[in-house]
Amino acid sequence: MSMDFKDRLQIWLDDVKDRLFNVFGRDKIEKENLYETRWVWYHTLLVIELFIIIILLWYIAI
């Protein structure tokens, strides 16, 4: 029995979804997740520190 267009499209969409989820880390191991979490927190703290430094320098300049 041949598949119609709707069935083929659904199979193709499911395949694309699976590939996208795998690219964006659905199957990541715990060590990689921990690294990414630490990376995000580290850079968040850097942004906060940079903001404070800019405010202090702006206060000194005025």
N, C-alpha and C. Protein backbone atom coordinates (compact mmCIF):
# COMPACT_ATOMS: atom_id res chain seq x y z
N MET A 1 0.85 -1.18 0.00
CA MET A 1 0.00 0.00 0.00
C MET A 1 0.90 1.24 0.00
N SER A 2 0.62 2.18 -0.87
CA SER A 2 1.45 3.38 -0.95
C SER A 2 0.98 4.44 0.04
N MET A 3 1.93 5.25 0.46
CA MET A 3 1.61 6.31 1.41
C MET A 3 1.18 7.56 0.64
N ASP A 4 0.23 8.27 1.21
CA ASP A 4 -0.16 9.51 0.55
C ASP A 4 0.73 10.66 1.01
N PHE A 5 0.51 11.80 0.44
CA PHE A 5 1.36 12.96 0.69
C PHE A 5 1.35 13.36 2.17
N LYS A 6 0.19 13.31 2.79
CA LYS A 6 0.05 13.71 4.19
C LYS A 6 0.91 12.83 5.10
N ASP A 7 0.91 11.53 4.86
CA ASP A 7 1.72 10.61 5.66
C ASP A 7 3.21 10.86 5.46
N ARG A 8 3.61 11.07 4.23
CA ARG A 8 5.02 11.35 3.96
C ARG A 8 5.46 12.65 4.61
N LEU A 9 4.59 13.67 4.54
CA LEU A 9 4.91 14.95 5.16
C LEU A 9 5.05 14.80 6.67
N GLN A 10 4.16 14.03 7.28
CA GLN A 10 4.23 13.83 8.73
C GLN A 10 5.51 13.10 9.14
N ILE A 11 5.91 12.10 8.38
CA ILE A 11 7.15 11.38 8.66
C ILE A 11 8.34 12.32 8.52
N TRP A 12 8.33 13.14 7.48
CA TRP A 12 9.43 14.09 7.26
C TRP A 12 9.49 15.11 8.39
N LEU A 13 8.34 15.63 8.82
CA LEU A 13 8.31 16.61 9.92
C LEU A 13 8.81 15.99 11.23
N ASP A 14 8.43 14.76 11.50
CA ASP A 14 8.92 14.09 12.70
C ASP A 14 10.43 13.92 12.66
N ASP A 15 10.96 13.58 11.50
CA ASP A 15 12.41 13.43 11.35
C ASP A 15 13.12 14.76 11.59
N VAL A 16 12.57 15.84 11.03
CA VAL A 16 13.17 17.17 11.22
C VAL A 16 13.14 17.57 12.69
N LYS A 17 12.02 17.32 13.36
CA LYS A 17 11.91 17.65 14.79
C LYS A 17 12.95 16.90 15.61
N ASP A 18 13.11 15.61 15.34
CA ASP A 18 14.10 14.82 16.07
C ASP A 18 15.50 15.35 15.85
N ARG A 19 15.82 15.73 14.64
CA ARG A 19 17.16 16.27 14.36
C ARG A 19 17.37 17.59 15.07
N LEU A 20 16.37 18.46 15.08
CA LEU A 20 16.51 19.75 15.76
C LEU A 20 16.70 19.56 17.25
N PHE A 21 15.92 18.69 17.86
CA PHE A 21 16.07 18.46 19.29
C PHE A 21 17.44 17.90 19.63
N ASN A 22 17.96 17.03 18.79
CA ASN A 22 19.29 16.48 19.04
C ASN A 22 20.37 17.53 18.88
N VAL A 23 20.21 18.45 17.93
CA VAL A 23 21.19 19.52 17.73
C VAL A 23 21.21 20.44 18.94
N PHE A 24 20.05 20.75 19.49
CA PHE A 24 19.97 21.70 20.59
C PHE A 24 20.08 21.05 21.96
N GLY A 25 20.54 19.84 22.04
CA GLY A 25 20.94 19.27 23.30
C GLY A 25 19.93 18.46 24.06
N ARG A 26 19.04 17.84 23.39
CA ARG A 26 18.08 16.99 24.10
C ARG A 26 18.78 15.79 24.73
N ASP A 27 19.83 15.30 24.11
CA ASP A 27 20.52 14.11 24.59
C ASP A 27 21.87 14.43 25.22
N LYS A 28 21.98 15.57 25.88
CA LYS A 28 23.26 15.94 26.47
C LYS A 28 23.50 15.17 27.76
N ILE A 29 24.75 14.95 28.05
CA ILE A 29 25.09 14.27 29.29
C ILE A 29 25.14 15.29 30.42
N GLU A 30 25.13 14.80 31.63
CA GLU A 30 25.08 15.65 32.82
C GLU A 30 26.28 16.59 32.91
N LYS A 31 27.44 16.11 32.53
CA LYS A 31 28.65 16.94 32.61
C LYS A 31 28.55 18.15 31.69
N GLU A 32 28.02 17.96 30.49
CA GLU A 32 27.86 19.08 29.55
C GLU A 32 26.83 20.07 30.07
N ASN A 33 25.76 19.59 30.67
CA ASN A 33 24.75 20.49 31.22
C ASN A 33 25.33 21.31 32.36
N LEU A 34 26.15 20.69 33.21
CA LEU A 34 26.77 21.41 34.31
C LEU A 34 27.71 22.49 33.78
N TYR A 35 28.49 22.16 32.76
CA TYR A 35 29.39 23.14 32.15
C TYR A 35 28.61 24.34 31.61
N GLU A 36 27.53 24.08 30.90
CA GLU A 36 26.75 25.18 30.34
C GLU A 36 26.11 26.03 31.43
N THR A 37 25.64 25.40 32.49
CA THR A 37 25.06 26.15 33.59
C THR A 37 26.09 27.05 34.24
N ARG A 38 27.28 26.53 34.50
CA ARG A 38 28.34 27.35 35.08
C ARG A 38 28.76 28.46 34.14
N TRP A 39 28.80 28.19 32.85
CA TRP A 39 29.17 29.19 31.85
C TRP A 39 28.19 30.36 31.89
N VAL A 40 26.91 30.05 31.95
CA VAL A 40 25.88 31.09 31.98
C VAL A 40 26.00 31.93 33.24
N TRP A 41 26.17 31.30 34.41
CA TRP A 41 26.30 32.06 35.66
C TRP A 41 27.57 32.90 35.67
N TYR A 42 28.66 32.36 35.17
CA TYR A 42 29.92 33.10 35.13
C TYR A 42 29.77 34.36 34.29
N HIS A 43 29.18 34.23 33.13
CA HIS A 43 29.03 35.39 32.26
C HIS A 43 27.98 36.37 32.77
N THR A 44 26.99 35.88 33.48
CA THR A 44 26.03 36.77 34.12
C THR A 44 26.73 37.62 35.17
N LEU A 45 27.59 37.01 35.97
CA LEU A 45 28.34 37.78 36.97
C LEU A 45 29.29 38.78 36.32
N LEU A 46 29.89 38.41 35.21
CA LEU A 46 30.76 39.36 34.50
C LEU A 46 29.97 40.57 34.00
N VAL A 47 28.79 40.35 33.51
CA VAL A 47 27.96 41.46 33.03
C VAL A 47 27.58 42.38 34.19
N ILE A 48 27.22 41.81 35.32
CA ILE A 48 26.87 42.62 36.49
C ILE A 48 28.08 43.41 36.96
N GLU A 49 29.23 42.76 37.03
CA GLU A 49 30.45 43.45 37.44
C GLU A 49 30.80 44.58 36.47
N LEU A 50 30.69 44.33 35.19
CA LEU A 50 30.97 45.37 34.20
C LEU A 50 30.00 46.54 34.33
N PHE A 51 28.74 46.26 34.60
CA PHE A 51 27.76 47.32 34.80
C PHE A 51 28.12 48.18 36.00
N ILE A 52 28.53 47.56 37.10
CA ILE A 52 28.92 48.30 38.30
C ILE A 52 30.14 49.16 38.01
N ILE A 53 31.11 48.62 37.31
CA ILE A 53 32.32 49.38 36.97
C ILE A 53 31.97 50.58 36.10
N ILE A 54 31.10 50.40 35.13
CA ILE A 54 30.70 51.51 34.26
C ILE A 54 29.99 52.59 35.07
N ILE A 55 29.12 52.20 35.98
CA ILE A 55 28.43 53.18 36.83
C ILE A 55 29.44 53.94 37.69
N LEU A 56 30.40 53.24 38.29
CA LEU A 56 31.41 53.91 39.12
C LEU A 56 32.26 54.86 38.29
N LEU A 57 32.69 54.44 37.12
CA LEU A 57 33.48 55.32 36.27
C LEU A 57 32.67 56.52 35.80
N TRP A 58 31.42 56.32 35.54
CA TRP A 58 30.55 57.42 35.15
C TRP A 58 30.40 58.42 36.30
N TYR A 59 30.27 57.91 37.53
CA TYR A 59 30.16 58.76 38.72
C TYR A 59 31.46 59.55 38.93
N ILE A 60 32.60 58.92 38.73
CA ILE A 60 33.89 59.60 38.89
C ILE A 60 34.06 60.68 37.82
N ALA A 61 33.61 60.41 36.61
CA ALA A 61 33.80 61.36 35.52
C ALA A 61 32.92 62.60 35.67
N ILE A 62 31.82 62.48 36.34
CA ILE A 62 30.90 63.64 36.46
C ILE A 62 31.22 64.49 37.64
